[in-house]
Amino acid sequence: MKPGIEWRQPRAAAENEQFADDLHAALSRTPKAISPKYFYDEVGSKLFERICDLPEYYPTRTELALLQTHATDMAAQMGERVQLVEYGAGALRKVRLLLDALPRERVEFVPVDISGPHLLSACNGLAGDYPGLAIHPLVADFTRQHALPARPAGARRVGFFPGSSIGNFTPAEADAFLRLAAAELTGGGLLIGIDLVKDHEVLHAAYNDAQGVTAAFNLNLLERARNELGAEFPAGGFEHLAFYNPAYCRIEMHLRATRPLALQLGGEIYSFHEGETLHTEHSHKYTVAGFQAMAERAGFRPGKVWTDANRWFALLWLQA
């Protein structure tokens, strides 16, 4: 661990217990569905990094281009002294473009992520490249109540939530997160990425890549259940399924049973008929006006918007 990084160690046993509870609940309901946050163990986090570099996956390169072009303007919205909180921090790739545009000696960085080992590795790399930057990584589920470090005197607390991850939430979950963020960022603001409504073929390709990396990412959730929780299910029993659902303006990802099978977890047996799915993720697509209206209802005041020439993706500044 690099000097100057304040690390908060996660409680692995408690995390596994929560995973088990949530998976039991997911398998008991009809239709079966679980939160996508359980994709992000160490293996899943690395697979997602590979997804971000795939030719079919436009969001990462489009958002990076927006940050490269407009980071100075975005930083100007934040102010001169900032406690920068990145929600779902991951590999800490995009935040570097913001850090380059902010006065380093006046920035405190608080990356929040559910995957502790992956976050620590990313923070060590960041500390080596940004000497003198105060980094306070926090292992937490940022969608639930969490204790951020005290804000430095005179600093504005600003959130950064890139990658269109807000699209993985149901409308009710998105509203709850925005209200939580509006409360803890009061006096500052939130820079957030959203994926925009677009041609269905572009969306389908992004979630069904030719190399099968997204499929491996999806299937890894069950491998994590096998390795961490002792779940038992037949090899080859599930396959990746992703499609656009126009009724909800969202991509859906599922794990589909290839044949009738049983999944055993903690002494309980859950049956799947052929073709039955475990819904693992949805990714809502927004219009700028629609998302701004939702953010305003949650307590934000809409500000500047940056989007690409195709209008495939947008970064929005929301004043808290």
Foldseek 3Di string as FASTA:
>chain_A
DDPQEAEDDDDVVVVLVVLQVQQVVQLPDVQRAGELLLLDEPVLLVLVVVLLPAPLAPQNVFVLVLLQVCLLVVLVQFDQAEEEEEEQCRLVPSCVSNCVNHDQQRYAYEYEHQHRVRVVVSVVVVCVVRPPHRYYYHNDNLLDDDDDPDGPPPHQYEYEYEDQCLQFDDLVSSLSSLLVCCVVRAPGWYKYKHFAQDDFVSVVCSQCPPVCSNFVSVCVSVVCCCVSFVKDWDPPQWTWDWGADVVQQKIWIWTFGQAWIWIDTPNDIRTDHHGRTNTNTIGHHHDPVVVQVSSVVSPWHWDDKTGDPVRRMIITITHD
